[in-house]
């Protein structure tokens, strides 16, 4: 699941939407010594879909929603908007 989500993220579009930030796979900010990013920012939607299919998450073509064993796929995204505040977004 995590690998499929990682492949599905268009980091270039994400960074443009964030207006000033940049998309990365690193868990740490680029000003820390722990920053590590060896990605080009491109996404691979077909590979992401294949991984989800392989994991049993079936796409309902009518709704565009994936489900497994009767449960719809949901992803909670958490981003640090600033040092003192966390923003959480639920993506159905």
N, C-alpha and C. Protein backbone atom coordinates (compact mmCIF):
# COMPACT_ATOMS: atom_id res chain seq x y z
N UNK A 1 0.81 -1.19 0.00
CA UNK A 1 0.00 0.00 0.00
C UNK A 1 0.86 1.26 0.00
N UNK A 2 1.83 1.32 0.90
CA UNK A 2 2.68 2.52 0.97
C UNK A 2 3.47 2.73 -0.32
N UNK A 3 3.96 1.64 -0.89
CA UNK A 3 4.73 1.75 -2.13
C UNK A 3 3.83 2.25 -3.26
N UNK A 4 2.59 1.76 -3.33
CA UNK A 4 1.65 2.21 -4.36
C UNK A 4 1.36 3.70 -4.21
N UNK A 5 1.15 4.15 -2.99
CA UNK A 5 0.89 5.57 -2.75
C UNK A 5 2.11 6.39 -3.13
N UNK A 6 3.29 5.91 -2.76
CA UNK A 6 4.53 6.60 -3.10
C UNK A 6 4.67 6.76 -4.62
N UNK A 7 4.33 5.71 -5.36
CA UNK A 7 4.43 5.76 -6.82
C UNK A 7 3.36 6.67 -7.43
N UNK A 8 2.22 6.79 -6.77
CA UNK A 8 1.11 7.55 -7.32
C UNK A 8 1.24 9.06 -7.14
N UNK A 9 2.08 9.50 -6.22
CA UNK A 9 2.18 10.93 -5.93
C UNK A 9 2.97 11.65 -7.01
N UNK A 10 2.35 12.68 -7.57
CA UNK A 10 3.02 13.55 -8.54
C UNK A 10 3.66 14.69 -7.74
N UNK A 11 4.91 14.52 -7.39
CA UNK A 11 5.58 15.49 -6.52
C UNK A 11 5.76 16.86 -7.18
N UNK A 12 5.86 16.89 -8.49
CA UNK A 12 5.98 18.17 -9.18
C UNK A 12 4.69 18.96 -9.04
N UNK A 13 3.55 18.32 -9.30
CA UNK A 13 2.25 19.00 -9.15
C UNK A 13 2.00 19.37 -7.69
N UNK A 14 2.38 18.49 -6.79
CA UNK A 14 2.21 18.76 -5.36
C UNK A 14 2.99 19.99 -4.94
N UNK A 15 4.23 20.09 -5.36
CA UNK A 15 5.04 21.23 -4.96
C UNK A 15 4.51 22.53 -5.56
N UNK A 16 3.96 22.46 -6.76
CA UNK A 16 3.36 23.66 -7.37
C UNK A 16 2.11 24.08 -6.60
N UNK A 17 1.32 23.08 -6.17
CA UNK A 17 0.11 23.39 -5.40
C UNK A 17 0.45 23.97 -4.04
N UNK A 18 1.59 23.57 -3.48
CA UNK A 18 2.00 24.08 -2.18
C UNK A 18 2.61 25.48 -2.27
N UNK A 19 2.85 25.95 -3.48
CA UNK A 19 3.37 27.29 -3.73
C UNK A 19 4.60 27.63 -2.90
N UNK A 20 5.69 27.07 -3.26
CA UNK A 20 6.92 27.42 -2.59
C UNK A 20 7.64 26.24 -1.98
N UNK A 21 6.95 25.15 -1.74
CA UNK A 21 7.60 23.97 -1.20
C UNK A 21 8.11 23.09 -2.33
N UNK A 22 8.58 21.92 -1.98
CA UNK A 22 8.95 20.96 -3.01
C UNK A 22 8.67 19.55 -2.50
N UNK A 23 8.22 18.70 -3.41
CA UNK A 23 7.88 17.33 -3.06
C UNK A 23 9.13 16.50 -2.84
N UNK A 24 9.09 15.62 -1.86
CA UNK A 24 10.25 14.80 -1.54
C UNK A 24 9.78 13.49 -0.91
N UNK A 25 10.64 12.51 -0.94
CA UNK A 25 10.36 11.26 -0.23
C UNK A 25 11.01 11.24 1.14
N UNK A 26 11.80 12.24 1.44
CA UNK A 26 12.51 12.28 2.71
C UNK A 26 11.55 12.55 3.86
N UNK A 27 11.82 11.92 4.99
CA UNK A 27 11.02 12.17 6.18
C UNK A 27 11.44 13.43 6.91
N UNK A 28 12.60 13.98 6.53
CA UNK A 28 13.16 15.13 7.23
C UNK A 28 13.31 16.31 6.29
N UNK A 29 13.21 17.54 6.81
CA UNK A 29 13.37 18.74 5.99
C UNK A 29 14.78 18.82 5.38
N UNK A 30 14.89 19.53 4.26
CA UNK A 30 16.16 19.61 3.56
C UNK A 30 17.24 20.41 4.29
N UNK A 31 16.88 21.11 5.35
CA UNK A 31 17.89 21.86 6.10
C UNK A 31 18.47 21.05 7.26
N UNK A 32 18.06 19.79 7.39
CA UNK A 32 18.61 18.95 8.45
C UNK A 32 19.65 17.99 7.90
N UNK A 33 20.54 17.48 8.73
CA UNK A 33 21.55 16.54 8.25
C UNK A 33 20.97 15.16 7.90
N UNK A 34 19.71 14.94 8.25
CA UNK A 34 19.08 13.64 7.99
C UNK A 34 18.32 13.59 6.67
N UNK A 35 18.28 14.72 5.98
CA UNK A 35 17.56 14.79 4.70
C UNK A 35 18.18 13.84 3.70
N UNK A 36 17.33 13.07 3.02
CA UNK A 36 17.80 12.15 1.99
C UNK A 36 16.71 12.04 0.94
N UNK A 37 17.00 12.48 -0.26
CA UNK A 37 16.01 12.42 -1.33
C UNK A 37 16.71 12.06 -2.63
N UNK A 38 16.43 10.87 -3.12
CA UNK A 38 17.05 10.42 -4.37
C UNK A 38 15.99 10.19 -5.45
N UNK A 39 14.94 11.04 -5.44
CA UNK A 39 13.85 10.87 -6.38
C UNK A 39 13.83 11.98 -7.42
N UNK A 40 13.23 11.69 -8.55
CA UNK A 40 13.08 12.72 -9.58
C UNK A 40 11.72 13.40 -9.51
N UNK A 41 10.85 12.95 -8.61
CA UNK A 41 9.55 13.58 -8.42
C UNK A 41 8.47 13.06 -9.34
N UNK A 42 8.83 12.23 -10.30
CA UNK A 42 7.84 11.71 -11.24
C UNK A 42 6.99 10.62 -10.60
N UNK A 43 5.79 10.47 -11.10
CA UNK A 43 4.95 9.41 -10.59
C UNK A 43 4.81 8.30 -11.63
N UNK A 44 4.38 7.14 -11.20
CA UNK A 44 4.14 6.01 -12.09
C UNK A 44 2.78 5.43 -11.74
N UNK A 45 1.75 6.02 -12.31
CA UNK A 45 0.38 5.66 -11.97
C UNK A 45 0.08 4.19 -12.29
N UNK A 46 0.55 3.71 -13.43
CA UNK A 46 0.28 2.31 -13.82
C UNK A 46 0.89 1.34 -12.82
N UNK A 47 2.11 1.61 -12.36
CA UNK A 47 2.76 0.75 -11.37
C UNK A 47 2.01 0.80 -10.04
N UNK A 48 1.54 1.97 -9.66
CA UNK A 48 0.77 2.11 -8.42
C UNK A 48 -0.53 1.32 -8.50
N UNK A 49 -1.23 1.43 -9.63
CA UNK A 49 -2.47 0.68 -9.82
C UNK A 49 -2.21 -0.83 -9.78
N UNK A 50 -1.12 -1.27 -10.41
CA UNK A 50 -0.78 -2.69 -10.42
C UNK A 50 -0.52 -3.21 -9.00
N UNK A 51 0.19 -2.42 -8.18
CA UNK A 51 0.45 -2.83 -6.81
C UNK A 51 -0.83 -2.93 -5.99
N UNK A 52 -1.74 -1.98 -6.18
CA UNK A 52 -3.01 -2.02 -5.46
C UNK A 52 -3.84 -3.23 -5.91
N UNK A 53 -3.87 -3.50 -7.22
CA UNK A 53 -4.58 -4.67 -7.73
C UNK A 53 -4.00 -5.95 -7.14
N UNK A 54 -2.67 -6.02 -7.11
CA UNK A 54 -1.98 -7.20 -6.57
C UNK A 54 -2.29 -7.41 -5.09
N UNK A 55 -2.48 -6.31 -4.37
CA UNK A 55 -2.78 -6.38 -2.93
C UNK A 55 -4.26 -6.64 -2.65
N UNK A 56 -5.07 -6.75 -3.72
CA UNK A 56 -6.49 -7.06 -3.54
C UNK A 56 -7.41 -5.87 -3.46
N UNK A 57 -6.90 -4.66 -3.70
CA UNK A 57 -7.73 -3.46 -3.68
C UNK A 57 -8.33 -3.28 -5.07
N UNK A 58 -9.62 -3.65 -5.21
CA UNK A 58 -10.30 -3.69 -6.50
C UNK A 58 -10.92 -2.33 -6.80
N UNK A 59 -10.71 -1.85 -8.03
CA UNK A 59 -11.26 -0.57 -8.46
C UNK A 59 -12.67 -0.76 -8.99
N UNK A 60 -13.62 -0.01 -8.43
CA UNK A 60 -14.99 0.04 -8.95
C UNK A 60 -14.99 1.10 -10.04
N UNK A 61 -15.12 0.67 -11.29
CA UNK A 61 -15.04 1.60 -12.42
C UNK A 61 -16.15 2.66 -12.37
N UNK A 62 -17.30 2.32 -11.82
CA UNK A 62 -18.43 3.26 -11.76
C UNK A 62 -18.17 4.40 -10.79
N UNK A 63 -17.55 4.09 -9.65
CA UNK A 63 -17.35 5.13 -8.62
C UNK A 63 -15.93 5.65 -8.57
N UNK A 64 -14.97 4.87 -9.10
CA UNK A 64 -13.56 5.26 -9.03
C UNK A 64 -12.94 4.99 -7.67
N UNK A 65 -13.66 4.22 -6.83
CA UNK A 65 -13.20 3.92 -5.47
C UNK A 65 -12.69 2.49 -5.40
N UNK A 66 -11.58 2.29 -4.73
CA UNK A 66 -11.04 0.95 -4.52
C UNK A 66 -11.54 0.40 -3.19
N UNK A 67 -11.76 -0.91 -3.16
CA UNK A 67 -12.19 -1.55 -1.92
C UNK A 67 -11.59 -2.95 -1.83
N UNK A 68 -11.56 -3.45 -0.60
CA UNK A 68 -11.04 -4.79 -0.32
C UNK A 68 -11.88 -5.37 0.81
N UNK A 69 -12.40 -6.55 0.60
CA UNK A 69 -13.23 -7.22 1.60
C UNK A 69 -14.36 -6.32 2.11
N UNK A 70 -14.96 -5.54 1.20
CA UNK A 70 -16.09 -4.69 1.55
C UNK A 70 -15.72 -3.36 2.19
N UNK A 71 -14.44 -3.08 2.37
CA UNK A 71 -14.02 -1.83 3.00
C UNK A 71 -13.38 -0.91 1.96
N UNK A 72 -13.88 0.33 1.87
CA UNK A 72 -13.33 1.30 0.93
C UNK A 72 -11.94 1.75 1.38
N UNK A 73 -11.09 1.96 0.41
CA UNK A 73 -9.73 2.43 0.68
C UNK A 73 -9.76 3.90 1.11
N UNK A 74 -9.18 4.18 2.25
CA UNK A 74 -9.04 5.55 2.76
C UNK A 74 -7.60 5.77 3.15
N UNK A 75 -7.12 6.97 2.89
CA UNK A 75 -5.74 7.33 3.24
C UNK A 75 -5.78 8.62 4.03
N UNK A 76 -5.14 8.63 5.18
CA UNK A 76 -5.00 9.85 5.97
C UNK A 76 -3.63 10.46 5.69
N UNK A 77 -3.62 11.69 5.21
CA UNK A 77 -2.37 12.40 4.95
C UNK A 77 -2.16 13.44 6.04
N UNK A 78 -0.97 13.49 6.58
CA UNK A 78 -0.65 14.48 7.61
C UNK A 78 0.55 15.28 7.12
N UNK A 79 0.43 16.59 7.17
CA UNK A 79 1.52 17.46 6.73
C UNK A 79 1.75 18.54 7.76
N UNK A 80 2.98 18.93 7.91
CA UNK A 80 3.33 20.00 8.83
C UNK A 80 3.23 21.33 8.09
N UNK A 81 2.20 22.09 8.41
CA UNK A 81 2.03 23.40 7.79
C UNK A 81 3.02 24.40 8.39
N UNK A 82 3.39 24.19 9.62
CA UNK A 82 4.40 25.00 10.29
C UNK A 82 4.92 24.17 11.46
N UNK A 83 5.86 24.68 12.16
CA UNK A 83 6.44 23.95 13.28
C UNK A 83 5.42 23.69 14.38
N UNK A 84 4.49 24.62 14.57
CA UNK A 84 3.57 24.54 15.70
C UNK A 84 2.20 23.97 15.36
N UNK A 85 1.98 23.62 14.10
CA UNK A 85 0.62 23.22 13.73
C UNK A 85 0.70 22.04 12.75
N UNK A 86 -0.18 21.08 12.89
CA UNK A 86 -0.25 19.95 11.98
C UNK A 86 -1.59 20.01 11.24
N UNK A 87 -1.54 19.79 9.94
CA UNK A 87 -2.74 19.76 9.12
C UNK A 87 -2.99 18.32 8.70
N UNK A 88 -4.18 17.82 8.91
CA UNK A 88 -4.53 16.46 8.50
C UNK A 88 -5.59 16.52 7.41
N UNK A 89 -5.45 15.66 6.41
CA UNK A 89 -6.38 15.61 5.30
C UNK A 89 -6.78 14.16 5.09
N UNK A 90 -8.04 13.89 4.94
CA UNK A 90 -8.50 12.53 4.64
C UNK A 90 -8.84 12.46 3.16
N UNK A 91 -8.26 11.49 2.48
CA UNK A 91 -8.52 11.28 1.06
C UNK A 91 -9.32 9.99 0.91
N UNK A 92 -10.60 10.10 0.54
CA UNK A 92 -11.42 8.88 0.39
C UNK A 92 -11.03 8.11 -0.85
